[in-house]
Amino acid sequence: MTTRVAQRYKRLTSRRGPIKALVAVEHSIIIAVWHMLHDHVPYHELGGNYFTQRDPERAARRAVSRLNELGYRVTLDPMEAAG
């Protein structure tokens, strides 16, 4: 199981590079620690698939565009909901 912080680093590394991604992740951790200390709440791990669950259409668009960049033509047919 990956953590949300690890997934954030992975996403940012592709856009900003490893050093800037590390600084951005450190900033996120500092902000989380501040909120935990200020609000007196424990840390709650959202999970590595948090963004996929939050906006699945965006994740699908990102995956399709990535496959298109690799030279594949992709069409998506949604599965019927299990009832």
PDB file of N, CA and C in Angstrom:
ATOM      1  N   MET A   1       0.849  -1.181   0.000  1.00  0.00           N
ATOM      2  CA  MET A   1       0.000   0.000   0.000  1.00  0.00           C
ATOM      3  C   MET A   1       0.892   1.241   0.000  1.00  0.00           C
ATOM      4  N   THR A   2       0.616   2.113  -0.919  1.00  0.00           N
ATOM      5  CA  THR A   2       1.370   3.358  -0.965  1.00  0.00           C
ATOM      6  C   THR A   2       0.604   4.438  -0.218  1.00  0.00           C
ATOM      7  N   THR A   3       1.345   5.416   0.222  1.00  0.00           N
ATOM      8  CA  THR A   3       0.730   6.505   0.957  1.00  0.00           C
ATOM      9  C   THR A   3       0.417   7.665   0.014  1.00  0.00           C
ATOM     10  N   ARG A   4      -0.383   8.574   0.501  1.00  0.00           N
ATOM     11  CA  ARG A   4      -0.725   9.754  -0.289  1.00  0.00           C
ATOM     12  C   ARG A   4       0.503  10.616  -0.540  1.00  0.00           C
ATOM     13  N   VAL A   5       1.387  10.669   0.448  1.00  0.00           N
ATOM     14  CA  VAL A   5       2.607  11.468   0.300  1.00  0.00           C
ATOM     15  C   VAL A   5       3.495  10.871  -0.797  1.00  0.00           C
ATOM     16  N   ALA A   6       3.616   9.544  -0.828  1.00  0.00           N
ATOM     17  CA  ALA A   6       4.429   8.893  -1.859  1.00  0.00           C
ATOM     18  C   ALA A   6       3.841   9.126  -3.243  1.00  0.00           C
ATOM     19  N   GLN A   7       2.530   9.053  -3.367  1.00  0.00           N
ATOM     20  CA  GLN A   7       1.883   9.299  -4.645  1.00  0.00           C
ATOM     21  C   GLN A   7       2.041  10.753  -5.074  1.00  0.00           C
ATOM     22  N   ARG A   8       1.988  11.671  -4.128  1.00  0.00           N
ATOM     23  CA  ARG A   8       2.189  13.092  -4.444  1.00  0.00           C
ATOM     24  C   ARG A   8       3.591  13.312  -4.985  1.00  0.00           C
ATOM     25  N   TYR A   9       4.577  12.696  -4.349  1.00  0.00           N
ATOM     26  CA  TYR A   9       5.956  12.828  -4.820  1.00  0.00           C
ATOM     27  C   TYR A   9       6.096  12.266  -6.235  1.00  0.00           C
ATOM     28  N   LYS A  10       5.495  11.122  -6.467  1.00  0.00           N
ATOM     29  CA  LYS A  10       5.582  10.495  -7.786  1.00  0.00           C
ATOM     30  C   LYS A  10       4.960  11.387  -8.869  1.00  0.00           C
ATOM     31  N   ARG A  11       3.798  11.974  -8.581  1.00  0.00           N
ATOM     32  CA  ARG A  11       3.138  12.852  -9.552  1.00  0.00           C
ATOM     33  C   ARG A  11       3.955  14.115  -9.808  1.00  0.00           C
ATOM     34  N   LEU A  12       4.489  14.711  -8.745  1.00  0.00           N
ATOM     35  CA  LEU A  12       5.217  15.967  -8.895  1.00  0.00           C
ATOM     36  C   LEU A  12       6.575  15.788  -9.547  1.00  0.00           C
ATOM     37  N   THR A  13       7.197  14.638  -9.358  1.00  0.00           N
ATOM     38  CA  THR A  13       8.522  14.407  -9.928  1.00  0.00           C
ATOM     39  C   THR A  13       8.503  14.522 -11.443  1.00  0.00           C
ATOM     40  N   SER A  14       7.446  14.049 -12.068  1.00  0.00           N
ATOM     41  CA  SER A  14       7.385  14.094 -13.530  1.00  0.00           C
ATOM     42  C   SER A  14       7.273  15.526 -14.046  1.00  0.00           C
ATOM     43  N   ARG A  15       6.652  16.417 -13.272  1.00  0.00           N
ATOM     44  CA  ARG A  15       6.476  17.802 -13.720  1.00  0.00           C
ATOM     45  C   ARG A  15       7.583  18.738 -13.251  1.00  0.00           C
ATOM     46  N   ARG A  16       8.032  18.577 -12.018  1.00  0.00           N
ATOM     47  CA  ARG A  16       8.947  19.550 -11.422  1.00  0.00           C
ATOM     48  C   ARG A  16      10.374  19.061 -11.258  1.00  0.00           C
ATOM     49  N   GLY A  17      10.586  17.748 -11.316  1.00  0.00           N
ATOM     50  CA  GLY A  17      11.902  17.212 -11.036  1.00  0.00           C
ATOM     51  C   GLY A  17      11.975  16.753  -9.587  1.00  0.00           C
ATOM     52  N   PRO A  18      12.968  15.934  -9.264  1.00  0.00           N
ATOM     53  CA  PRO A  18      13.008  15.310  -7.937  1.00  0.00           C
ATOM     54  C   PRO A  18      13.240  16.279  -6.781  1.00  0.00           C
ATOM     55  N   ILE A  19      14.069  17.278  -6.951  1.00  0.00           N
ATOM     56  CA  ILE A  19      14.374  18.183  -5.842  1.00  0.00           C
ATOM     57  C   ILE A  19      13.180  19.071  -5.507  1.00  0.00           C
ATOM     58  N   LYS A  20      12.568  19.675  -6.519  1.00  0.00           N
ATOM     59  CA  LYS A  20      11.404  20.531  -6.267  1.00  0.00           C
ATOM     60  C   LYS A  20      10.214  19.717  -5.762  1.00  0.00           C
ATOM     61  N   ALA A  21      10.085  18.484  -6.246  1.00  0.00           N
ATOM     62  CA  ALA A  21       9.013  17.621  -5.762  1.00  0.00           C
ATOM     63  C   ALA A  21       9.237  17.288  -4.291  1.00  0.00           C
ATOM     64  N   LEU A  22      10.478  17.042  -3.912  1.00  0.00           N
ATOM     65  CA  LEU A  22      10.794  16.739  -2.518  1.00  0.00           C
ATOM     66  C   LEU A  22      10.453  17.927  -1.620  1.00  0.00           C
ATOM     67  N   VAL A  23      10.799  19.120  -2.043  1.00  0.00           N
ATOM     68  CA  VAL A  23      10.495  20.317  -1.256  1.00  0.00           C
ATOM     69  C   VAL A  23       8.976  20.502  -1.140  1.00  0.00           C
ATOM     70  N   ALA A  24       8.240  20.255  -2.212  1.00  0.00           N
ATOM     71  CA  ALA A  24       6.783  20.391  -2.179  1.00  0.00           C
ATOM     72  C   ALA A  24       6.168  19.370  -1.223  1.00  0.00           C
ATOM     73  N   VAL A  25       6.689  18.145  -1.232  1.00  0.00           N
ATOM     74  CA  VAL A  25       6.179  17.113  -0.329  1.00  0.00           C
ATOM     75  C   VAL A  25       6.530  17.458   1.119  1.00  0.00           C
ATOM     76  N   GLU A  26       7.741  17.966   1.343  1.00  0.00           N
ATOM     77  CA  GLU A  26       8.112  18.403   2.693  1.00  0.00           C
ATOM     78  C   GLU A  26       7.171  19.497   3.183  1.00  0.00           C
ATOM     79  N   HIS A  27       6.828  20.413   2.300  1.00  0.00           N
ATOM     80  CA  HIS A  27       5.892  21.476   2.663  1.00  0.00           C
ATOM     81  C   HIS A  27       4.536  20.893   3.029  1.00  0.00           C
ATOM     82  N   SER A  28       4.067  19.916   2.276  1.00  0.00           N
ATOM     83  CA  SER A  28       2.785  19.279   2.582  1.00  0.00           C
ATOM     84  C   SER A  28       2.813  18.608   3.951  1.00  0.00           C
ATOM     85  N   ILE A  29       3.933  17.974   4.264  1.00  0.00           N
ATOM     86  CA  ILE A  29       4.063  17.305   5.563  1.00  0.00           C
ATOM     87  C   ILE A  29       4.052  18.339   6.692  1.00  0.00           C
ATOM     88  N   ILE A  30       4.769  19.442   6.502  1.00  0.00           N
ATOM     89  CA  ILE A  30       4.807  20.486   7.527  1.00  0.00           C
ATOM     90  C   ILE A  30       3.409  21.065   7.752  1.00  0.00           C
ATOM     91  N   ILE A  31       2.676  21.293   6.676  1.00  0.00           N
ATOM     92  CA  ILE A  31       1.307  21.815   6.798  1.00  0.00           C
ATOM     93  C   ILE A  31       0.425  20.817   7.543  1.00  0.00           C
ATOM     94  N   ALA A  32       0.553  19.530   7.241  1.00  0.00           N
ATOM     95  CA  ALA A  32      -0.242  18.501   7.919  1.00  0.00           C
ATOM     96  C   ALA A  32       0.096  18.449   9.404  1.00  0.00           C
ATOM     97  N   VAL A  33       1.379  18.526   9.734  1.00  0.00           N
ATOM     98  CA  VAL A  33       1.792  18.513  11.143  1.00  0.00           C
ATOM     99  C   VAL A  33       1.233  19.735  11.860  1.00  0.00           C
ATOM    100  N   TRP A  34       1.287  20.897  11.219  1.00  0.00           N
ATOM    101  CA  TRP A  34       0.756  22.108  11.844  1.00  0.00           C
ATOM    102  C   TRP A  34      -0.732  21.944  12.165  1.00  0.00           C
ATOM    103  N   HIS A  35      -1.491  21.412  11.197  1.00  0.00           N
ATOM    104  CA  HIS A  35      -2.928  21.221  11.430  1.00  0.00           C
ATOM    105  C   HIS A  35      -3.181  20.210  12.541  1.00  0.00           C
ATOM    106  N   MET A  36      -2.376  19.156  12.595  1.00  0.00           N
ATOM    107  CA  MET A  36      -2.560  18.159  13.651  1.00  0.00           C
ATOM    108  C   MET A  36      -2.295  18.774  15.027  1.00  0.00           C
ATOM    109  N   LEU A  37      -1.246  19.581  15.143  1.00  0.00           N
ATOM    110  CA  LEU A  37      -0.920  20.199  16.421  1.00  0.00           C
ATOM    111  C   LEU A  37      -1.908  21.309  16.783  1.00  0.00           C
ATOM    112  N   HIS A  38      -2.317  22.075  15.806  1.00  0.00           N
ATOM    113  CA  HIS A  38      -3.230  23.187  16.056  1.00  0.00           C
ATOM    114  C   HIS A  38      -4.622  22.702  16.427  1.00  0.00           C
ATOM    115  N   ASP A  39      -5.127  21.697  15.717  1.00  0.00           N
ATOM    116  CA  ASP A  39      -6.495  21.216  15.926  1.00  0.00           C
ATOM    117  C   ASP A  39      -6.582  20.043  16.885  1.00  0.00           C
ATOM    118  N   HIS A  40      -5.427  19.549  17.344  1.00  0.00           N
ATOM    119  CA  HIS A  40      -5.373  18.403  18.264  1.00  0.00           C
ATOM    120  C   HIS A  40      -6.088  17.187  17.688  1.00  0.00           C
ATOM    121  N   VAL A  41      -5.768  16.853  16.441  1.00  0.00           N
ATOM    122  CA  VAL A  41      -6.358  15.683  15.790  1.00  0.00           C
ATOM    123  C   VAL A  41      -5.233  14.746  15.343  1.00  0.00           C
ATOM    124  N   PRO A  42      -5.487  13.443  15.307  1.00  0.00           N
ATOM    125  CA  PRO A  42      -4.459  12.508  14.833  1.00  0.00           C
ATOM    126  C   PRO A  42      -4.356  12.538  13.307  1.00  0.00           C
ATOM    127  N   TYR A  43      -3.251  12.024  12.813  1.00  0.00           N
ATOM    128  CA  TYR A  43      -3.041  11.955  11.359  1.00  0.00           C
ATOM    129  C   TYR A  43      -3.972  10.910  10.771  1.00  0.00           C
ATOM    130  N   HIS A  44      -4.590  11.239   9.670  1.00  0.00           N
ATOM    131  CA  HIS A  44      -5.490  10.314   8.974  1.00  0.00           C
ATOM    132  C   HIS A  44      -4.956  10.119   7.561  1.00  0.00           C
ATOM    133  N   GLU A  45      -4.463   8.915   7.265  1.00  0.00           N
ATOM    134  CA  GLU A  45      -3.914   8.613   5.944  1.00  0.00           C
ATOM    135  C   GLU A  45      -5.061   8.433   4.955  1.00  0.00           C
ATOM    136  N   LEU A  46      -5.024   9.185   3.872  1.00  0.00           N
ATOM    137  CA  LEU A  46      -6.076   9.118   2.863  1.00  0.00           C
ATOM    138  C   LEU A  46      -5.856   7.985   1.873  1.00  0.00           C
ATOM    139  N   GLY A  47      -4.636   7.516   1.744  1.00  0.00           N
ATOM    140  CA  GLY A  47      -4.337   6.407   0.844  1.00  0.00           C
ATOM    141  C   GLY A  47      -3.795   6.889  -0.487  1.00  0.00           C
ATOM    142  N   GLY A  48      -3.084   6.004  -1.145  1.00  0.00           N
ATOM    143  CA  GLY A  48      -2.457   6.342  -2.414  1.00  0.00           C
ATOM    144  C   GLY A  48      -3.426   6.542  -3.555  1.00  0.00           C
ATOM    145  N   ASN A  49      -4.613   5.981  -3.450  1.00  0.00           N
ATOM    146  CA  ASN A  49      -5.593   6.117  -4.529  1.00  0.00           C
ATOM    147  C   ASN A  49      -6.643   7.195  -4.212  1.00  0.00           C
ATOM    148  N   TYR A  50      -6.321   8.106  -3.332  1.00  0.00           N
ATOM    149  CA  TYR A  50      -7.263   9.151  -2.922  1.00  0.00           C
ATOM    150  C   TYR A  50      -7.744   9.982  -4.103  1.00  0.00           C
ATOM    151  N   PHE A  51      -6.811  10.433  -4.946  1.00  0.00           N
ATOM    152  CA  PHE A  51      -7.191  11.292  -6.061  1.00  0.00           C
ATOM    153  C   PHE A  51      -7.966  10.522  -7.126  1.00  0.00           C
ATOM    154  N   THR A  52      -7.670   9.254  -7.298  1.00  0.00           N
ATOM    155  CA  THR A  52      -8.411   8.432  -8.251  1.00  0.00           C
ATOM    156  C   THR A  52      -9.853   8.257  -7.793  1.00  0.00           C
ATOM    157  N   GLN A  53     -10.042   8.036  -6.507  1.00  0.00           N
ATOM    158  CA  GLN A  53     -11.398   7.889  -5.985  1.00  0.00           C
ATOM    159  C   GLN A  53     -12.149   9.215  -5.982  1.00  0.00           C
ATOM    160  N   ARG A  54     -11.439  10.318  -5.764  1.00  0.00           N
ATOM    161  CA  ARG A  54     -12.076  11.621  -5.696  1.00  0.00           C
ATOM    162  C   ARG A  54     -12.592  12.075  -7.060  1.00  0.00           C
ATOM    163  N   ASP A  55     -11.840  11.801  -8.123  1.00  0.00           N
ATOM    164  CA  ASP A  55     -12.234  12.227  -9.466  1.00  0.00           C
ATOM    165  C   ASP A  55     -11.850  11.139 -10.471  1.00  0.00           C
ATOM    166  N   PRO A  56     -12.646  10.074 -10.570  1.00  0.00           N
ATOM    167  CA  PRO A  56     -12.283   8.967 -11.452  1.00  0.00           C
ATOM    168  C   PRO A  56     -12.274   9.342 -12.938  1.00  0.00           C
ATOM    169  N   GLU A  57     -13.111  10.291 -13.349  1.00  0.00           N
ATOM    170  CA  GLU A  57     -13.113  10.695 -14.756  1.00  0.00           C
ATOM    171  C   GLU A  57     -11.786  11.349 -15.130  1.00  0.00           C
ATOM    172  N   ARG A  58     -11.253  12.160 -14.246  1.00  0.00           N
ATOM    173  CA  ARG A  58      -9.970  12.801 -14.512  1.00  0.00           C
ATOM    174  C   ARG A  58      -8.852  11.767 -14.606  1.00  0.00           C
ATOM    175  N   ALA A  59      -8.885  10.769 -13.734  1.00  0.00           N
ATOM    176  CA  ALA A  59      -7.882   9.712 -13.781  1.00  0.00           C
ATOM    177  C   ALA A  59      -7.973   8.941 -15.101  1.00  0.00           C
ATOM    178  N   ALA A  60      -9.197   8.710 -15.577  1.00  0.00           N
ATOM    179  CA  ALA A  60      -9.377   7.998 -16.842  1.00  0.00           C
ATOM    180  C   ALA A  60      -8.858   8.843 -18.006  1.00  0.00           C
ATOM    181  N   ARG A  61      -9.164  10.135 -18.007  1.00  0.00           N
ATOM    182  CA  ARG A  61      -8.656  11.020 -19.066  1.00  0.00           C
ATOM    183  C   ARG A  61      -7.130  11.053 -19.080  1.00  0.00           C
ATOM    184  N   ARG A  62      -6.529  11.091 -17.890  1.00  0.00           N
ATOM    185  CA  ARG A  62      -5.075  11.123 -17.788  1.00  0.00           C
ATOM    186  C   ARG A  62      -4.466   9.823 -18.348  1.00  0.00           C
ATOM    187  N   ALA A  63      -5.093   8.699 -18.031  1.00  0.00           N
ATOM    188  CA  ALA A  63      -4.587   7.415 -18.517  1.00  0.00           C
ATOM    189  C   ALA A  63      -4.721   7.315 -20.040  1.00  0.00           C
ATOM    190  N   VAL A  64      -5.851   7.767 -20.575  1.00  0.00           N
ATOM    191  CA  VAL A  64      -6.061   7.721 -22.025  1.00  0.00           C
ATOM    192  C   VAL A  64      -5.071   8.630 -22.735  1.00  0.00           C
ATOM    193  N   SER A  65      -4.860   9.831 -22.209  1.00  0.00           N
ATOM    194  CA  SER A  65      -3.921  10.743 -22.872  1.00  0.00           C
ATOM    195  C   SER A  65      -2.501  10.209 -22.812  1.00  0.00           C
ATOM    196  N   ARG A  66      -2.156   9.552 -21.719  1.00  0.00           N
ATOM    197  CA  ARG A  66      -0.815   8.963 -21.615  1.00  0.00           C
ATOM    198  C   ARG A  66      -0.642   7.843 -22.644  1.00  0.00           C
ATOM    199  N   LEU A  67      -1.651   7.003 -22.821  1.00  0.00           N
ATOM    200  CA  LEU A  67      -1.577   5.948 -23.826  1.00  0.00           C
ATOM    201  C   LEU A  67      -1.541   6.529 -25.236  1.00  0.00           C
ATOM    202  N   ASN A  68      -2.273   7.616 -25.474  1.00  0.00           N
ATOM    203  CA  ASN A  68      -2.219   8.278 -26.778  1.00  0.00           C
ATOM    204  C   ASN A  68      -0.815   8.798 -27.062  1.00  0.00           C
ATOM    205  N   GLU A  69      -0.154   9.341 -26.036  1.00  0.00           N
ATOM    206  CA  GLU A  69       1.223   9.823 -26.207  1.00  0.00           C
ATOM    207  C   GLU A  69       2.176   8.685 -26.552  1.00  0.00           C
ATOM    208  N   LEU A  70       1.861   7.494 -26.087  1.00  0.00           N
ATOM    209  CA  LEU A  70       2.701   6.332 -26.372  1.00  0.00           C
ATOM    210  C   LEU A  70       2.382   5.706 -27.725  1.00  0.00           C
ATOM    211  N   GLY A  71       1.398   6.242 -28.429  1.00  0.00           N
ATOM    212  CA  GLY A  71       1.097   5.769 -29.773  1.00  0.00           C
ATOM    213  C   GLY A  71      -0.054   4.782 -29.868  1.00  0.00           C
ATOM    214  N   TYR A  72      -0.884   4.710 -28.846  1.00  0.00           N
ATOM    215  CA  TYR A  72      -2.034   3.812 -28.867  1.00  0.00           C
ATOM    216  C   TYR A  72      -3.307   4.615 -29.056  1.00  0.00           C
ATOM    217  N   ARG A  73      -4.252   4.030 -29.784  1.00  0.00           N
ATOM    218  CA  ARG A  73      -5.575   4.628 -29.920  1.00  0.00           C
ATOM    219  C   ARG A  73      -6.473   3.912 -28.924  1.00  0.00           C
ATOM    220  N   VAL A  74      -7.094   4.671 -28.063  1.00  0.00           N
ATOM    221  CA  VAL A  74      -7.849   4.082 -26.961  1.00  0.00           C
ATOM    222  C   VAL A  74      -9.277   4.584 -26.999  1.00  0.00           C
ATOM    223  N   THR A  75     -10.216   3.661 -26.815  1.00  0.00           N
ATOM    224  CA  THR A  75     -11.604   4.036 -26.612  1.00  0.00           C
ATOM    225  C   THR A  75     -12.058   3.332 -25.337  1.00  0.00           C
ATOM    226  N   LEU A  76     -12.863   3.999 -24.565  1.00  0.00           N
ATOM    227  CA  LEU A  76     -13.341   3.444 -23.302  1.00  0.00           C
ATOM    228  C   LEU A  76     -14.822   3.117 -23.397  1.00  0.00           C
ATOM    229  N   ASP A  77     -15.152   1.917 -22.968  1.00  0.00           N
ATOM    230  CA  ASP A  77     -16.541   1.489 -22.867  1.00  0.00           C
ATOM    231  C   ASP A  77     -16.807   1.197 -21.394  1.00  0.00           C
ATOM    232  N   PRO A  78     -17.596   2.030 -20.709  1.00  0.00           N
ATOM    233  CA  PRO A  78     -17.847   1.811 -19.285  1.00  0.00           C
ATOM    234  C   PRO A  78     -18.538   0.477 -19.035  1.00  0.00           C
ATOM    235  N   MET A  79     -18.110  -0.182 -17.975  1.00  0.00           N
ATOM    236  CA  MET A  79     -18.730  -1.447 -17.576  1.00  0.00           C
ATOM    237  C   MET A  79     -20.058  -1.140 -16.903  1.00  0.00           C
ATOM    238  N   GLU A  80     -20.999  -2.076 -16.998  1.00  0.00           N
ATOM    239  CA  GLU A  80     -22.273  -1.905 -16.324  1.00  0.00           C
ATOM    240  C   GLU A  80     -22.040  -2.048 -14.818  1.00  0.00           C
ATOM    241  N   ALA A  81     -22.761  -1.252 -14.058  1.00  0.00           N
ATOM    242  CA  ALA A  81     -22.626  -1.298 -12.613  1.00  0.00           C
ATOM    243  C   ALA A  81     -23.119  -2.644 -12.083  1.00  0.00           C
ATOM    244  N   ALA A  82     -22.320  -3.225 -11.183  1.00  0.00           N
ATOM    245  CA  ALA A  82     -22.710  -4.502 -10.582  1.00  0.00           C
ATOM    246  C   ALA A  82     -23.881  -4.242  -9.654  1.00  0.00           C
ATOM    247  N   GLY A  83     -24.906  -5.009  -9.799  1.00  0.00           N
ATOM    248  CA  GLY A  83     -26.107  -4.732  -9.052  1.00  0.00           C
ATOM    249  C   GLY A  83     -26.368  -5.713  -8.015  1.00  0.00           C
TER     250      GLY A  83
END
